[in-house]
Amino acid sequence: MQINVKGHQVEVTAALRDYVVSKFERVTRLHDQLHEVTAVLSVEKILHKAEITLLLSGKTLHADAAASDMYAAIDALVDKVETQLRKAKEKRNDHHAEAVRAARHG
């Protein structure tokens, strides 16, 4: 699994890159079919923004967050992504369970 970190009008320091990678390595354990993660960090006036795109098998998830501090924006983004991944996993598991029940009763 590959984690790409890019900067848009901001320099991505080694510390920022390491922070993003460590946070999203933890998140990737939630979903076993995660192929690629692309994070884009940007600054607009005083607002720090973090965006992420996750490529899953058959699905793409996108989230963004903004805060007055880049690390806070990354933390908020991690929370959003964890929620999205849990929902996607529950939805996949629910559909799988329905198919198994239908096969047993069919």
C-alpha atoms as a PDB file:
ATOM      1  CA  MET A   1       0.000   0.000   0.000  1.00  0.00           C
ATOM      2  CA  GLN A   2       1.341   3.352  -1.027  1.00  0.00           C
ATOM      3  CA  ILE A   3       0.890   6.661   0.825  1.00  0.00           C
ATOM      4  CA  ASN A   4       1.628   9.794  -1.258  1.00  0.00           C
ATOM      5  CA  VAL A   5       1.905  13.188   0.444  1.00  0.00           C
ATOM      6  CA  LYS A   6       1.843  16.324  -1.714  1.00  0.00           C
ATOM      7  CA  GLY A   7       1.874  20.029  -0.944  1.00  0.00           C
ATOM      8  CA  HIS A   8      -0.166  22.667  -2.728  1.00  0.00           C
ATOM      9  CA  GLN A   9       1.407  26.093  -2.120  1.00  0.00           C
ATOM     10  CA  VAL A  10       3.103  24.670   0.979  1.00  0.00           C
ATOM     11  CA  GLU A  11       6.365  22.829   1.499  1.00  0.00           C
ATOM     12  CA  VAL A  12       5.859  19.341   2.882  1.00  0.00           C
ATOM     13  CA  THR A  13       8.588  18.960   5.482  1.00  0.00           C
ATOM     14  CA  ALA A  14       9.922  15.597   6.606  1.00  0.00           C
ATOM     15  CA  ALA A  15       8.089  16.048   9.926  1.00  0.00           C
ATOM     16  CA  LEU A  16       4.740  16.672   8.177  1.00  0.00           C
ATOM     17  CA  ARG A  17       5.279  13.739   5.808  1.00  0.00           C
ATOM     18  CA  ASP A  18       6.160  11.413   8.722  1.00  0.00           C
ATOM     19  CA  TYR A  19       3.112  12.610  10.681  1.00  0.00           C
ATOM     20  CA  VAL A  20       0.728  11.945   7.774  1.00  0.00           C
ATOM     21  CA  VAL A  21       2.265   8.553   7.024  1.00  0.00           C
ATOM     22  CA  SER A  22       2.137   7.427  10.667  1.00  0.00           C
ATOM     23  CA  LYS A  23      -1.487   8.527  11.055  1.00  0.00           C
ATOM     24  CA  PHE A  24      -2.672   6.848   7.857  1.00  0.00           C
ATOM     25  CA  GLU A  25      -0.694   3.655   8.361  1.00  0.00           C
ATOM     26  CA  ARG A  26      -2.849   3.179  11.452  1.00  0.00           C
ATOM     27  CA  VAL A  27      -6.011   3.938   9.453  1.00  0.00           C
ATOM     28  CA  THR A  28      -5.100   1.482   6.695  1.00  0.00           C
ATOM     29  CA  ARG A  29      -5.398  -1.393   9.158  1.00  0.00           C
ATOM     30  CA  LEU A  30      -9.166  -0.788   9.213  1.00  0.00           C
ATOM     31  CA  HIS A  31      -9.588  -1.846   5.605  1.00  0.00           C
ATOM     32  CA  ASP A  32      -7.808  -4.751   3.926  1.00  0.00           C
ATOM     33  CA  GLN A  33      -8.581  -3.717   0.330  1.00  0.00           C
ATOM     34  CA  LEU A  34      -6.906  -0.305   0.426  1.00  0.00           C
ATOM     35  CA  HIS A  35      -4.607   0.196  -2.567  1.00  0.00           C
ATOM     36  CA  GLU A  36      -3.433   3.804  -2.578  1.00  0.00           C
ATOM     37  CA  VAL A  37      -3.651   6.866  -0.337  1.00  0.00           C
ATOM     38  CA  THR A  38      -2.972  10.382  -1.654  1.00  0.00           C
ATOM     39  CA  ALA A  39      -2.851  13.288   0.804  1.00  0.00           C
ATOM     40  CA  VAL A  40      -2.703  16.920  -0.324  1.00  0.00           C
ATOM     41  CA  LEU A  41      -1.771  19.585   2.215  1.00  0.00           C
ATOM     42  CA  SER A  42      -2.409  23.250   1.449  1.00  0.00           C
ATOM     43  CA  VAL A  43      -2.587  26.664   3.075  1.00  0.00           C
ATOM     44  CA  GLU A  44      -5.135  29.331   2.101  1.00  0.00           C
ATOM     45  CA  LYS A  45      -4.483  32.585   3.953  1.00  0.00           C
ATOM     46  CA  ILE A  46      -4.665  31.483   7.613  1.00  0.00           C
ATOM     47  CA  LEU A  47      -6.531  28.234   7.001  1.00  0.00           C
ATOM     48  CA  HIS A  48      -4.601  24.965   6.815  1.00  0.00           C
ATOM     49  CA  LYS A  49      -6.311  22.297   4.719  1.00  0.00           C
ATOM     50  CA  ALA A  50      -5.719  18.582   4.398  1.00  0.00           C
ATOM     51  CA  GLU A  51      -7.403  16.456   1.725  1.00  0.00           C
ATOM     52  CA  ILE A  52      -7.187  12.735   1.147  1.00  0.00           C
ATOM     53  CA  THR A  53      -8.214  10.319  -1.567  1.00  0.00           C
ATOM     54  CA  LEU A  54      -8.274   6.590  -0.810  1.00  0.00           C
ATOM     55  CA  LEU A  55      -8.485   4.014  -3.587  1.00  0.00           C
ATOM     56  CA  LEU A  56     -10.238   0.850  -2.452  1.00  0.00           C
ATOM     57  CA  SER A  57     -11.237  -2.175  -4.472  1.00  0.00           C
ATOM     58  CA  GLY A  58     -14.154  -0.858  -6.511  1.00  0.00           C
ATOM     59  CA  LYS A  59     -14.535   2.389  -4.582  1.00  0.00           C
ATOM     60  CA  THR A  60     -12.867   5.771  -4.068  1.00  0.00           C
ATOM     61  CA  LEU A  61     -13.247   7.719  -0.824  1.00  0.00           C
ATOM     62  CA  HIS A  62     -12.467  11.422  -0.466  1.00  0.00           C
ATOM     63  CA  ALA A  63     -12.375  13.610   2.624  1.00  0.00           C
ATOM     64  CA  ASP A  64     -11.063  17.015   3.593  1.00  0.00           C
ATOM     65  CA  ALA A  65     -10.609  19.018   6.759  1.00  0.00           C
ATOM     66  CA  ALA A  66      -9.447  22.517   7.675  1.00  0.00           C
ATOM     67  CA  ALA A  67      -8.076  24.046  10.863  1.00  0.00           C
ATOM     68  CA  SER A  68      -5.862  26.885  12.039  1.00  0.00           C
ATOM     69  CA  ASP A  69      -2.966  24.417  12.419  1.00  0.00           C
ATOM     70  CA  MET A  70      -1.840  21.786   9.873  1.00  0.00           C
ATOM     71  CA  TYR A  71      -1.480  19.042  12.475  1.00  0.00           C
ATOM     72  CA  ALA A  72      -5.022  19.722  13.741  1.00  0.00           C
ATOM     73  CA  ALA A  73      -6.325  19.556  10.155  1.00  0.00           C
ATOM     74  CA  ILE A  74      -4.596  16.184   9.672  1.00  0.00           C
ATOM     75  CA  ASP A  75      -6.060  14.866  12.941  1.00  0.00           C
ATOM     76  CA  ALA A  76      -9.577  15.959  11.912  1.00  0.00           C
ATOM     77  CA  LEU A  77      -9.044  14.334   8.521  1.00  0.00           C
ATOM     78  CA  VAL A  78      -8.017  11.041  10.134  1.00  0.00           C
ATOM     79  CA  ASP A  79     -11.234  11.037  12.181  1.00  0.00           C
ATOM     80  CA  LYS A  80     -13.350  11.600   9.057  1.00  0.00           C
ATOM     81  CA  VAL A  81     -11.550   8.888   7.099  1.00  0.00           C
ATOM     82  CA  GLU A  82     -11.887   6.363   9.936  1.00  0.00           C
ATOM     83  CA  THR A  83     -15.636   6.990   9.997  1.00  0.00           C
ATOM     84  CA  GLN A  84     -15.920   6.588   6.208  1.00  0.00           C
ATOM     85  CA  LEU A  85     -13.881   3.378   6.218  1.00  0.00           C
ATOM     86  CA  ARG A  86     -15.951   1.872   9.046  1.00  0.00           C
ATOM     87  CA  LYS A  87     -19.167   2.659   7.163  1.00  0.00           C
ATOM     88  CA  ALA A  88     -17.791   1.180   3.928  1.00  0.00           C
ATOM     89  CA  LYS A  89     -16.660  -1.967   5.729  1.00  0.00           C
ATOM     90  CA  GLU A  90     -20.007  -2.364   7.546  1.00  0.00           C
ATOM     91  CA  LYS A  91     -21.887  -1.862   4.296  1.00  0.00           C
ATOM     92  CA  ARG A  92     -19.746  -4.475   2.541  1.00  0.00           C
ATOM     93  CA  ASN A  93     -20.185  -6.930   5.415  1.00  0.00           C
ATOM     94  CA  ASP A  94     -23.960  -6.337   5.540  1.00  0.00           C
ATOM     95  CA  HIS A  95     -24.292  -7.099   1.816  1.00  0.00           C
ATOM     96  CA  HIS A  96     -22.167 -10.204   2.227  1.00  0.00           C
ATOM     97  CA  ALA A  97     -24.304 -11.400   5.147  1.00  0.00           C
ATOM     98  CA  GLU A  98     -27.492 -10.830   3.126  1.00  0.00           C
ATOM     99  CA  ALA A  99     -26.113 -12.872   0.236  1.00  0.00           C
ATOM    100  CA  VAL A 100     -25.191 -15.735   2.584  1.00  0.00           C
ATOM    101  CA  ARG A 101     -28.656 -15.679   4.210  1.00  0.00           C
ATOM    102  CA  ALA A 102     -30.343 -15.654   0.785  1.00  0.00           C
ATOM    103  CA  ALA A 103     -28.239 -18.604  -0.360  1.00  0.00           C
ATOM    104  CA  ARG A 104     -29.173 -20.621   2.745  1.00  0.00           C
ATOM    105  CA  HIS A 105     -32.875 -19.915   2.443  1.00  0.00           C
ATOM    106  CA  GLY A 106     -33.036 -19.915  -1.335  1.00  0.00           C
END
